[in-house]
Amino acid sequence: MQNWIENFGAAITVVDKDLVIAYMNDKALSAFEKYGGRELLGRNLEGCHSERSMAIMRQILETGEPHTYTIEKGGIKKLVHQAPWKKGGATAGLVEFSIEIPWELEHFARD
């Protein structure tokens, strides 16, 4: 069943509670190729992110509240969703989904 993660259309990165990269699917490895790709596994995010970003991730771990935003990078618009993952009911780290989205995104209000 885990094979679907490798071929999923979004970059998926998983870090532990110490913000050390534990897993990156193929899309994430490709997206971060110029930063080291597979060599990033086992590294702490502090070497890759600003203090502002690190503070947001620490807050996710402390509060259990996810963080979602959009970015533009290299002419591509992405939706980034960072959320805690749990093991035995306790926060064990966080997972980030980075999904390429169209510039004009449909929005539906449903009841």
PDB file of N, CA and C in Angstrom:
ATOM      1  N   MET A   1       0.824  -1.204   0.000  1.00  0.00           N
ATOM      2  CA  MET A   1       0.000   0.000   0.000  1.00  0.00           C
ATOM      3  C   MET A   1       0.862   1.260   0.000  1.00  0.00           C
ATOM      4  N   GLN A   2       2.036   1.218   0.603  1.00  0.00           N
ATOM      5  CA  GLN A   2       2.862   2.418   0.684  1.00  0.00           C
ATOM      6  C   GLN A   2       3.378   2.860  -0.686  1.00  0.00           C
ATOM      7  N   ASN A   3       3.388   1.993  -1.687  1.00  0.00           N
ATOM      8  CA  ASN A   3       3.882   2.350  -3.010  1.00  0.00           C
ATOM      9  C   ASN A   3       3.141   3.548  -3.609  1.00  0.00           C
ATOM     10  N   TRP A   4       1.891   3.757  -3.258  1.00  0.00           N
ATOM     11  CA  TRP A   4       1.142   4.887  -3.803  1.00  0.00           C
ATOM     12  C   TRP A   4       1.813   6.204  -3.420  1.00  0.00           C
ATOM     13  N   ILE A   5       2.447   6.248  -2.271  1.00  0.00           N
ATOM     14  CA  ILE A   5       3.106   7.472  -1.797  1.00  0.00           C
ATOM     15  C   ILE A   5       4.244   7.862  -2.733  1.00  0.00           C
ATOM     16  N   GLU A   6       4.980   6.870  -3.223  1.00  0.00           N
ATOM     17  CA  GLU A   6       6.103   7.143  -4.113  1.00  0.00           C
ATOM     18  C   GLU A   6       5.656   7.806  -5.402  1.00  0.00           C
ATOM     19  N   ASN A   7       4.510   7.422  -5.910  1.00  0.00           N
ATOM     20  CA  ASN A   7       4.041   7.910  -7.196  1.00  0.00           C
ATOM     21  C   ASN A   7       2.949   8.969  -7.091  1.00  0.00           C
ATOM     22  N   PHE A   8       2.676   9.426  -5.886  1.00  0.00           N
ATOM     23  CA  PHE A   8       1.657  10.445  -5.662  1.00  0.00           C
ATOM     24  C   PHE A   8       2.088  11.737  -6.351  1.00  0.00           C
ATOM     25  N   GLY A   9       1.160  12.512  -6.852  1.00  0.00           N
ATOM     26  CA  GLY A   9       1.460  13.714  -7.622  1.00  0.00           C
ATOM     27  C   GLY A   9       1.890  14.916  -6.815  1.00  0.00           C
ATOM     28  N   ALA A  10       2.215  14.732  -5.555  1.00  0.00           N
ATOM     29  CA  ALA A  10       2.688  15.829  -4.711  1.00  0.00           C
ATOM     30  C   ALA A  10       3.981  15.406  -4.029  1.00  0.00           C
ATOM     31  N   ALA A  11       4.793  16.397  -3.690  1.00  0.00           N
ATOM     32  CA  ALA A  11       6.015  16.132  -2.927  1.00  0.00           C
ATOM     33  C   ALA A  11       5.624  15.899  -1.472  1.00  0.00           C
ATOM     34  N   ILE A  12       6.062  14.786  -0.905  1.00  0.00           N
ATOM     35  CA  ILE A  12       5.752  14.460   0.486  1.00  0.00           C
ATOM     36  C   ILE A  12       7.071  14.312   1.250  1.00  0.00           C
ATOM     37  N   THR A  13       7.202  15.099   2.315  1.00  0.00           N
ATOM     38  CA  THR A  13       8.380  15.035   3.176  1.00  0.00           C
ATOM     39  C   THR A  13       7.907  14.798   4.601  1.00  0.00           C
ATOM     40  N   VAL A  14       8.561  13.869   5.294  1.00  0.00           N
ATOM     41  CA  VAL A  14       8.213  13.549   6.674  1.00  0.00           C
ATOM     42  C   VAL A  14       9.444  13.796   7.540  1.00  0.00           C
ATOM     43  N   VAL A  15       9.233  14.517   8.648  1.00  0.00           N
ATOM     44  CA  VAL A  15      10.317  14.747   9.603  1.00  0.00           C
ATOM     45  C   VAL A  15       9.894  14.249  10.976  1.00  0.00           C
ATOM     46  N   ASP A  16      10.881  13.928  11.801  1.00  0.00           N
ATOM     47  CA  ASP A  16      10.584  13.476  13.157  1.00  0.00           C
ATOM     48  C   ASP A  16      10.415  14.673  14.086  1.00  0.00           C
ATOM     49  N   LYS A  17      10.205  14.419  15.374  1.00  0.00           N
ATOM     50  CA  LYS A  17       9.933  15.511  16.318  1.00  0.00           C
ATOM     51  C   LYS A  17      11.133  16.426  16.527  1.00  0.00           C
ATOM     52  N   ASP A  18      12.330  15.971  16.118  1.00  0.00           N
ATOM     53  CA  ASP A  18      13.532  16.806  16.190  1.00  0.00           C
ATOM     54  C   ASP A  18      13.778  17.549  14.877  1.00  0.00           C
ATOM     55  N   LEU A  19      12.805  17.459  13.961  1.00  0.00           N
ATOM     56  CA  LEU A  19      12.840  18.097  12.651  1.00  0.00           C
ATOM     57  C   LEU A  19      13.982  17.570  11.776  1.00  0.00           C
ATOM     58  N   VAL A  20      14.237  16.275  11.920  1.00  0.00           N
ATOM     59  CA  VAL A  20      15.205  15.572  11.081  1.00  0.00           C
ATOM     60  C   VAL A  20      14.420  14.862   9.981  1.00  0.00           C
ATOM     61  N   ILE A  21      14.861  15.020   8.733  1.00  0.00           N
ATOM     62  CA  ILE A  21      14.149  14.439   7.599  1.00  0.00           C
ATOM     63  C   ILE A  21      14.234  12.919   7.645  1.00  0.00           C
ATOM     64  N   ALA A  22      13.077  12.282   7.762  1.00  0.00           N
ATOM     65  CA  ALA A  22      12.997  10.827   7.861  1.00  0.00           C
ATOM     66  C   ALA A  22      12.617  10.181   6.536  1.00  0.00           C
ATOM     67  N   TYR A  23      11.883  10.923   5.691  1.00  0.00           N
ATOM     68  CA  TYR A  23      11.383  10.330   4.447  1.00  0.00           C
ATOM     69  C   TYR A  23      11.066  11.430   3.438  1.00  0.00           C
ATOM     70  N   MET A  24      11.348  11.153   2.182  1.00  0.00           N
ATOM     71  CA  MET A  24      10.943  12.011   1.068  1.00  0.00           C
ATOM     72  C   MET A  24      10.516  11.094  -0.065  1.00  0.00           C
ATOM     73  N   ASN A  25       9.334  11.344  -0.644  1.00  0.00           N
ATOM     74  CA  ASN A  25       8.934  10.516  -1.787  1.00  0.00           C
ATOM     75  C   ASN A  25       9.703  10.979  -3.030  1.00  0.00           C
ATOM     76  N   ASP A  26       9.502  10.282  -4.134  1.00  0.00           N
ATOM     77  CA  ASP A  26      10.252  10.584  -5.350  1.00  0.00           C
ATOM     78  C   ASP A  26      10.074  12.032  -5.804  1.00  0.00           C
ATOM     79  N   LYS A  27       8.856  12.553  -5.712  1.00  0.00           N
ATOM     80  CA  LYS A  27       8.591  13.934  -6.141  1.00  0.00           C
ATOM     81  C   LYS A  27       9.338  14.925  -5.252  1.00  0.00           C
ATOM     82  N   ALA A  28       9.402  14.674  -3.954  1.00  0.00           N
ATOM     83  CA  ALA A  28      10.144  15.546  -3.039  1.00  0.00           C
ATOM     84  C   ALA A  28      11.640  15.458  -3.319  1.00  0.00           C
ATOM     85  N   LEU A  29      12.137  14.248  -3.527  1.00  0.00           N
ATOM     86  CA  LEU A  29      13.560  14.082  -3.845  1.00  0.00           C
ATOM     87  C   LEU A  29      13.918  14.862  -5.100  1.00  0.00           C
ATOM     88  N   SER A  30      13.050  14.810  -6.099  1.00  0.00           N
ATOM     89  CA  SER A  30      13.275  15.529  -7.344  1.00  0.00           C
ATOM     90  C   SER A  30      13.200  17.046  -7.131  1.00  0.00           C
ATOM     91  N   ALA A  31      12.216  17.490  -6.362  1.00  0.00           N
ATOM     92  CA  ALA A  31      12.027  18.920  -6.109  1.00  0.00           C
ATOM     93  C   ALA A  31      13.222  19.528  -5.378  1.00  0.00           C
ATOM     94  N   PHE A  32      13.860  18.732  -4.533  1.00  0.00           N
ATOM     95  CA  PHE A  32      14.986  19.228  -3.739  1.00  0.00           C
ATOM     96  C   PHE A  32      16.330  18.693  -4.231  1.00  0.00           C
ATOM     97  N   GLU A  33      16.356  18.248  -5.484  1.00  0.00           N
ATOM     98  CA  GLU A  33      17.574  17.694  -6.077  1.00  0.00           C
ATOM     99  C   GLU A  33      18.751  18.671  -5.992  1.00  0.00           C
ATOM    100  N   LYS A  34      18.520  19.941  -6.327  1.00  0.00           N
ATOM    101  CA  LYS A  34      19.623  20.904  -6.330  1.00  0.00           C
ATOM    102  C   LYS A  34      20.128  21.236  -4.921  1.00  0.00           C
ATOM    103  N   TYR A  35      19.362  20.832  -3.905  1.00  0.00           N
ATOM    104  CA  TYR A  35      19.771  21.051  -2.518  1.00  0.00           C
ATOM    105  C   TYR A  35      20.384  19.792  -1.897  1.00  0.00           C
ATOM    106  N   GLY A  36      20.465  18.728  -2.688  1.00  0.00           N
ATOM    107  CA  GLY A  36      21.060  17.496  -2.191  1.00  0.00           C
ATOM    108  C   GLY A  36      20.207  16.270  -2.403  1.00  0.00           C
ATOM    109  N   GLY A  37      18.898  16.442  -2.684  1.00  0.00           N
ATOM    110  CA  GLY A  37      18.037  15.288  -2.931  1.00  0.00           C
ATOM    111  C   GLY A  37      18.135  14.252  -1.824  1.00  0.00           C
ATOM    112  N   ARG A  38      18.511  13.042  -2.183  1.00  0.00           N
ATOM    113  CA  ARG A  38      18.597  11.929  -1.244  1.00  0.00           C
ATOM    114  C   ARG A  38      19.554  12.214  -0.074  1.00  0.00           C
ATOM    115  N   GLU A  39      20.554  13.060  -0.303  1.00  0.00           N
ATOM    116  CA  GLU A  39      21.520  13.398   0.754  1.00  0.00           C
ATOM    117  C   GLU A  39      20.876  14.190   1.900  1.00  0.00           C
ATOM    118  N   LEU A  40      19.680  14.720   1.666  1.00  0.00           N
ATOM    119  CA  LEU A  40      18.979  15.461   2.713  1.00  0.00           C
ATOM    120  C   LEU A  40      18.402  14.536   3.789  1.00  0.00           C
ATOM    121  N   LEU A  41      18.173  13.276   3.438  1.00  0.00           N
ATOM    122  CA  LEU A  41      17.627  12.324   4.415  1.00  0.00           C
ATOM    123  C   LEU A  41      18.568  12.225   5.610  1.00  0.00           C
ATOM    124  N   GLY A  42      17.983  12.338   6.803  1.00  0.00           N
ATOM    125  CA  GLY A  42      18.768  12.282   8.033  1.00  0.00           C
ATOM    126  C   GLY A  42      19.317  13.628   8.480  1.00  0.00           C
ATOM    127  N   ARG A  43      19.065  14.667   7.684  1.00  0.00           N
ATOM    128  CA  ARG A  43      19.541  16.003   8.058  1.00  0.00           C
ATOM    129  C   ARG A  43      18.445  16.799   8.743  1.00  0.00           C
ATOM    130  N   ASN A  44      18.855  17.690   9.627  1.00  0.00           N
ATOM    131  CA  ASN A  44      17.927  18.566  10.328  1.00  0.00           C
ATOM    132  C   ASN A  44      17.503  19.703   9.402  1.00  0.00           C
ATOM    133  N   LEU A  45      16.243  20.111   9.514  1.00  0.00           N
ATOM    134  CA  LEU A  45      15.723  21.174   8.674  1.00  0.00           C
ATOM    135  C   LEU A  45      16.364  22.533   8.950  1.00  0.00           C
ATOM    136  N   GLU A  46      17.009  22.685  10.095  1.00  0.00           N
ATOM    137  CA  GLU A  46      17.627  23.973  10.415  1.00  0.00           C
ATOM    138  C   GLU A  46      18.641  24.401   9.367  1.00  0.00           C
ATOM    139  N   GLY A  47      19.294  23.442   8.737  1.00  0.00           N
ATOM    140  CA  GLY A  47      20.260  23.777   7.709  1.00  0.00           C
ATOM    141  C   GLY A  47      19.619  24.174   6.398  1.00  0.00           C
ATOM    142  N   CYS A  48      18.303  24.012   6.287  1.00  0.00           N
ATOM    143  CA  CYS A  48      17.592  24.247   5.020  1.00  0.00           C
ATOM    144  C   CYS A  48      16.596  25.396   5.081  1.00  0.00           C
ATOM    145  N   HIS A  49      16.224  25.830   6.282  1.00  0.00           N
ATOM    146  CA  HIS A  49      15.131  26.793   6.426  1.00  0.00           C
ATOM    147  C   HIS A  49      15.527  27.999   7.261  1.00  0.00           C
ATOM    148  N   SER A  50      14.799  29.099   7.052  1.00  0.00           N
ATOM    149  CA  SER A  50      15.010  30.317   7.834  1.00  0.00           C
ATOM    150  C   SER A  50      14.516  30.108   9.268  1.00  0.00           C
ATOM    151  N   GLU A  51      14.901  31.012  10.140  1.00  0.00           N
ATOM    152  CA  GLU A  51      14.448  30.930  11.529  1.00  0.00           C
ATOM    153  C   GLU A  51      12.927  31.084  11.606  1.00  0.00           C
ATOM    154  N   ARG A  52      12.347  31.925  10.727  1.00  0.00           N
ATOM    155  CA  ARG A  52      10.892  32.096  10.704  1.00  0.00           C
ATOM    156  C   ARG A  52      10.211  30.767  10.395  1.00  0.00           C
ATOM    157  N   SER A  53      10.699  30.065   9.369  1.00  0.00           N
ATOM    158  CA  SER A  53      10.127  28.774   8.996  1.00  0.00           C
ATOM    159  C   SER A  53      10.293  27.757  10.116  1.00  0.00           C
ATOM    160  N   MET A  54      11.465  27.767  10.745  1.00  0.00           N
ATOM    161  CA  MET A  54      11.714  26.830  11.841  1.00  0.00           C
ATOM    162  C   MET A  54      10.751  27.094  13.001  1.00  0.00           C
ATOM    163  N   ALA A  55      10.483  28.367  13.283  1.00  0.00           N
ATOM    164  CA  ALA A  55       9.558  28.716  14.365  1.00  0.00           C
ATOM    165  C   ALA A  55       8.153  28.204  14.059  1.00  0.00           C
ATOM    166  N   ILE A  56       7.737  28.315  12.803  1.00  0.00           N
ATOM    167  CA  ILE A  56       6.414  27.812  12.413  1.00  0.00           C
ATOM    168  C   ILE A  56       6.352  26.303  12.610  1.00  0.00           C
ATOM    169  N   MET A  57       7.384  25.592  12.194  1.00  0.00           N
ATOM    170  CA  MET A  57       7.381  24.130  12.340  1.00  0.00           C
ATOM    171  C   MET A  57       7.410  23.708  13.807  1.00  0.00           C
ATOM    172  N   ARG A  58       8.170  24.428  14.618  1.00  0.00           N
ATOM    173  CA  ARG A  58       8.177  24.113  16.062  1.00  0.00           C
ATOM    174  C   ARG A  58       6.793  24.347  16.660  1.00  0.00           C
ATOM    175  N   GLN A  59       6.115  25.395  16.191  1.00  0.00           N
ATOM    176  CA  GLN A  59       4.760  25.686  16.678  1.00  0.00           C
ATOM    177  C   GLN A  59       3.799  24.562  16.297  1.00  0.00           C
ATOM    178  N   ILE A  60       3.926  24.035  15.087  1.00  0.00           N
ATOM    179  CA  ILE A  60       3.085  22.908  14.666  1.00  0.00           C
ATOM    180  C   ILE A  60       3.291  21.740  15.617  1.00  0.00           C
ATOM    181  N   LEU A  61       4.556  21.454  15.938  1.00  0.00           N
ATOM    182  CA  LEU A  61       4.853  20.338  16.842  1.00  0.00           C
ATOM    183  C   LEU A  61       4.291  20.581  18.245  1.00  0.00           C
ATOM    184  N   GLU A  62       4.365  21.823  18.719  1.00  0.00           N
ATOM    185  CA  GLU A  62       3.888  22.153  20.066  1.00  0.00           C
ATOM    186  C   GLU A  62       2.371  22.172  20.172  1.00  0.00           C
ATOM    187  N   THR A  63       1.703  22.752  19.169  1.00  0.00           N
ATOM    188  CA  THR A  63       0.259  22.959  19.267  1.00  0.00           C
ATOM    189  C   THR A  63      -0.564  21.874  18.581  1.00  0.00           C
ATOM    190  N   GLY A  64       0.051  21.183  17.615  1.00  0.00           N
ATOM    191  CA  GLY A  64      -0.693  20.200  16.846  1.00  0.00           C
ATOM    192  C   GLY A  64      -1.549  20.817  15.756  1.00  0.00           C
ATOM    193  N   GLU A  65      -1.438  22.147  15.567  1.00  0.00           N
ATOM    194  CA  GLU A  65      -2.212  22.860  14.546  1.00  0.00           C
ATOM    195  C   GLU A  65      -1.446  22.874  13.230  1.00  0.00           C
ATOM    196  N   PRO A  66      -2.087  22.514  12.129  1.00  0.00           N
ATOM    197  CA  PRO A  66      -1.409  22.536  10.827  1.00  0.00           C
ATOM    198  C   PRO A  66      -1.186  23.958  10.312  1.00  0.00           C
ATOM    199  N   HIS A  67      -0.366  24.065   9.297  1.00  0.00           N
ATOM    200  CA  HIS A  67      -0.058  25.343   8.653  1.00  0.00           C
ATOM    201  C   HIS A  67      -0.181  25.132   7.147  1.00  0.00           C
ATOM    202  N   THR A  68      -0.987  25.955   6.487  1.00  0.00           N
ATOM    203  CA  THR A  68      -1.220  25.815   5.054  1.00  0.00           C
ATOM    204  C   THR A  68      -1.053  27.169   4.382  1.00  0.00           C
ATOM    205  N   TYR A  69      -0.362  27.165   3.236  1.00  0.00           N
ATOM    206  CA  TYR A  69      -0.125  28.411   2.510  1.00  0.00           C
ATOM    207  C   TYR A  69       0.172  28.094   1.048  1.00  0.00           C
ATOM    208  N   THR A  70       0.221  29.117   0.213  1.00  0.00           N
ATOM    209  CA  THR A  70       0.616  28.944  -1.178  1.00  0.00           C
ATOM    210  C   THR A  70       1.917  29.699  -1.414  1.00  0.00           C
ATOM    211  N   ILE A  71       2.694  29.208  -2.390  1.00  0.00           N
ATOM    212  CA  ILE A  71       3.930  29.867  -2.781  1.00  0.00           C
ATOM    213  C   ILE A  71       4.031  29.881  -4.300  1.00  0.00           C
ATOM    214  N   GLU A  72       4.900  30.730  -4.788  1.00  0.00           N
ATOM    215  CA  GLU A  72       5.279  30.743  -6.198  1.00  0.00           C
ATOM    216  C   GLU A  72       6.790  30.576  -6.235  1.00  0.00           C
ATOM    217  N   LYS A  73       7.251  29.593  -6.983  1.00  0.00           N
ATOM    218  CA  LYS A  73       8.687  29.334  -7.081  1.00  0.00           C
ATOM    219  C   LYS A  73       8.975  28.770  -8.465  1.00  0.00           C
ATOM    220  N   GLY A  74       9.889  29.396  -9.171  1.00  0.00           N
ATOM    221  CA  GLY A  74      10.237  28.925 -10.499  1.00  0.00           C
ATOM    222  C   GLY A  74       9.087  28.951 -11.478  1.00  0.00           C
ATOM    223  N   GLY A  75       8.174  29.916 -11.301  1.00  0.00           N
ATOM    224  CA  GLY A  75       7.033  30.026 -12.192  1.00  0.00           C
ATOM    225  C   GLY A  75       5.924  29.022 -11.926  1.00  0.00           C
ATOM    226  N   ILE A  76       6.042  28.288 -10.823  1.00  0.00           N
ATOM    227  CA  ILE A  76       5.039  27.278 -10.460  1.00  0.00           C
ATOM    228  C   ILE A  76       4.385  27.688  -9.144  1.00  0.00           C
ATOM    229  N   LYS A  77       3.065  27.617  -9.100  1.00  0.00           N
ATOM    230  CA  LYS A  77       2.317  27.917  -7.884  1.00  0.00           C
ATOM    231  C   LYS A  77       2.066  26.609  -7.145  1.00  0.00           C
ATOM    232  N   LYS A  78       2.284  26.633  -5.833  1.00  0.00           N
ATOM    233  CA  LYS A  78       2.107  25.427  -5.029  1.00  0.00           C
ATOM    234  C   LYS A  78       1.295  25.713  -3.779  1.00  0.00           C
ATOM    235  N   LEU A  79       0.542  24.707  -3.374  1.00  0.00           N
ATOM    236  CA  LEU A  79      -0.130  24.692  -2.085  1.00  0.00           C
ATOM    237  C   LEU A  79       0.727  23.835  -1.177  1.00  0.00           C
ATOM    238  N   VAL A  80       1.108  24.390  -0.026  1.00  0.00           N
ATOM    239  CA  VAL A  80       1.925  23.652   0.925  1.00  0.00           C
ATOM    240  C   VAL A  80       1.102  23.449   2.192  1.00  0.00           C
ATOM    241  N   HIS A  81       1.004  22.199   2.624  1.00  0.00           N
ATOM    242  CA  HIS A  81       0.274  21.863   3.845  1.00  0.00           C
ATOM    243  C   HIS A  81       1.222  21.106   4.758  1.00  0.00           C
ATOM    244  N   GLN A  82       1.448  21.660   5.947  1.00  0.00           N
ATOM    245  CA  GLN A  82       2.300  21.040   6.953  1.00  0.00           C
ATOM    246  C   GLN A  82       1.428  20.687   8.149  1.00  0.00           C
ATOM    247  N   ALA A  83       1.514  19.436   8.575  1.00  0.00           N
ATOM    248  CA  ALA A  83       0.661  18.987   9.675  1.00  0.00           C
ATOM    249  C   ALA A  83       1.417  17.964  10.522  1.00  0.00           C
ATOM    250  N   PRO A  84       1.059  17.873  11.804  1.00  0.00           N
ATOM    251  CA  PRO A  84       1.717  16.883  12.652  1.00  0.00           C
ATOM    252  C   PRO A  84       1.261  15.474  12.302  1.00  0.00           C
ATOM    253  N   TRP A  85       2.137  14.507  12.524  1.00  0.00           N
ATOM    254  CA  TRP A  85       1.726  13.104  12.463  1.00  0.00           C
ATOM    255  C   TRP A  85       1.945  12.535  13.853  1.00  0.00           C
ATOM    256  N   LYS A  86       1.122  11.572  14.194  1.00  0.00           N
ATOM    257  CA  LYS A  86       1.132  11.061  15.562  1.00  0.00           C
ATOM    258  C   LYS A  86       1.473   9.582  15.620  1.00  0.00           C
ATOM    259  N   LYS A  87       2.048   9.203  16.726  1.00  0.00           N
ATOM    260  CA  LYS A  87       2.359   7.801  17.010  1.00  0.00           C
ATOM    261  C   LYS A  87       1.972   7.560  18.458  1.00  0.00           C
ATOM    262  N   GLY A  88       1.069   6.600  18.679  1.00  0.00           N
ATOM    263  CA  GLY A  88       0.609   6.330  20.041  1.00  0.00           C
ATOM    264  C   GLY A  88      -0.087   7.517  20.669  1.00  0.00           C
ATOM    265  N   GLY A  89      -0.720   8.364  19.841  1.00  0.00           N
ATOM    266  CA  GLY A  89      -1.453   9.514  20.351  1.00  0.00           C
ATOM    267  C   GLY A  89      -0.607  10.758  20.574  1.00  0.00           C
ATOM    268  N   ALA A  90       0.718  10.634  20.485  1.00  0.00           N
ATOM    269  CA  ALA A  90       1.601  11.781  20.702  1.00  0.00           C
ATOM    270  C   ALA A  90       2.180  12.257  19.373  1.00  0.00           C
ATOM    271  N   THR A  91       2.394  13.551  19.263  1.00  0.00           N
ATOM    272  CA  THR A  91       2.999  14.093  18.050  1.00  0.00           C
ATOM    273  C   THR A  91       4.400  13.538  17.896  1.00  0.00           C
ATOM    274  N   ALA A  92       4.663  12.944  16.741  1.00  0.00           N
ATOM    275  CA  ALA A  92       5.950  12.302  16.478  1.00  0.00           C
ATOM    276  C   ALA A  92       6.773  13.059  15.440  1.00  0.00           C
ATOM    277  N   GLY A  93       6.179  14.061  14.812  1.00  0.00           N
ATOM    278  CA  GLY A  93       6.873  14.832  13.793  1.00  0.00           C
ATOM    279  C   GLY A  93       5.863  15.568  12.939  1.00  0.00           C
ATOM    280  N   LEU A  94       6.293  15.970  11.754  1.00  0.00           N
ATOM    281  CA  LEU A  94       5.342  16.601  10.858  1.00  0.00           C
ATOM    282  C   LEU A  94       5.554  16.110   9.438  1.00  0.00           C
ATOM    283  N   VAL A  95       4.493  16.237   8.677  1.00  0.00           N
ATOM    284  CA  VAL A  95       4.515  15.852   7.266  1.00  0.00           C
ATOM    285  C   VAL A  95       4.159  17.079   6.442  1.00  0.00           C
ATOM    286  N   GLU A  96       4.850  17.227   5.312  1.00  0.00           N
ATOM    287  CA  GLU A  96       4.570  18.339   4.414  1.00  0.00           C
ATOM    288  C   GLU A  96       4.170  17.795   3.054  1.00  0.00           C
ATOM    289  N   PHE A  97       3.034  18.288   2.559  1.00  0.00           N
ATOM    290  CA  PHE A  97       2.578  18.004   1.208  1.00  0.00           C
ATOM    291  C   PHE A  97       2.772  19.290   0.412  1.00  0.00           C
ATOM    292  N   SER A  98       3.460  19.220  -0.712  1.00  0.00           N
ATOM    293  CA  SER A  98       3.646  20.357  -1.601  1.00  0.00           C
ATOM    294  C   SER A  98       3.030  19.971  -2.938  1.00  0.00           C
ATOM    295  N   ILE A  99       1.926  20.640  -3.282  1.00  0.00           N
ATOM    296  CA  ILE A  99       1.112  20.256  -4.436  1.00  0.00           C
ATOM    297  C   ILE A  99       1.105  21.390  -5.455  1.00  0.00           C
ATOM    298  N   GLU A 100       1.524  21.103  -6.691  1.00  0.00           N
ATOM    299  CA  GLU A 100       1.447  22.098  -7.753  1.00  0.00           C
ATOM    300  C   GLU A 100      -0.026  22.342  -8.062  1.00  0.00           C
ATOM    301  N   ILE A 101      -0.380  23.639  -8.148  1.00  0.00           N
ATOM    302  CA  ILE A 101      -1.772  24.000  -8.410  1.00  0.00           C
ATOM    303  C   ILE A 101      -1.822  24.997  -9.566  1.00  0.00           C
ATOM    304  N   PRO A 102      -2.963  25.062 -10.264  1.00  0.00           N
ATOM    305  CA  PRO A 102      -3.096  26.028 -11.353  1.00  0.00           C
ATOM    306  C   PRO A 102      -3.149  27.458 -10.810  1.00  0.00           C
ATOM    307  N   TRP A 103      -2.764  28.413 -11.659  1.00  0.00           N
ATOM    308  CA  TRP A 103      -2.812  29.820 -11.249  1.00  0.00           C
ATOM    309  C   TRP A 103      -4.230  30.250 -10.942  1.00  0.00           C
ATOM    310  N   GLU A 104      -5.161  29.810 -11.738  1.00  0.00           N
ATOM    311  CA  GLU A 104      -6.578  30.093 -11.495  1.00  0.00           C
ATOM    312  C   GLU A 104      -7.192  28.829 -10.929  1.00  0.00           C
ATOM    313  N   LEU A 105      -7.524  28.868  -9.680  1.00  0.00           N
ATOM    314  CA  LEU A 105      -8.030  27.687  -8.986  1.00  0.00           C
ATOM    315  C   LEU A 105      -9.514  27.829  -8.724  1.00  0.00           C
ATOM    316  N   GLU A 106     -10.277  26.845  -9.130  1.00  0.00           N
ATOM    317  CA  GLU A 106     -11.711  26.868  -8.855  1.00  0.00           C
ATOM    318  C   GLU A 106     -11.946  26.770  -7.354  1.00  0.00           C
ATOM    319  N   HIS A 107     -12.994  27.419  -6.917  1.00  0.00           N
ATOM    320  CA  HIS A 107     -13.402  27.345  -5.509  1.00  0.00           C
ATOM    321  C   HIS A 107     -14.901  27.115  -5.475  1.00  0.00           C
ATOM    322  N   PHE A 108     -15.341  26.154  -4.682  1.00  0.00           N
ATOM    323  CA  PHE A 108     -16.751  25.835  -4.570  1.00  0.00           C
ATOM    324  C   PHE A 108     -17.198  25.980  -3.111  1.00  0.00           C
ATOM    325  N   ALA A 109     -18.324  26.612  -2.901  1.00  0.00           N
ATOM    326  CA  ALA A 109     -18.927  26.700  -1.574  1.00  0.00           C
ATOM    327  C   ALA A 109     -20.066  25.698  -1.548  1.00  0.00           C
ATOM    328  N   ARG A 110     -19.918  24.698  -0.719  1.00  0.00           N
ATOM    329  CA  ARG A 110     -20.945  23.643  -0.668  1.00  0.00           C
ATOM    330  C   ARG A 110     -21.540  23.554   0.730  1.00  0.00           C
ATOM    331  N   ASP A 111     -22.807  23.200   0.763  1.00  0.00           N
ATOM    332  CA  ASP A 111     -23.498  23.014   2.048  1.00  0.00           C
ATOM    333  C   ASP A 111     -23.558  21.566   2.402  1.00  0.00           C
TER     334      ASP A 111
END
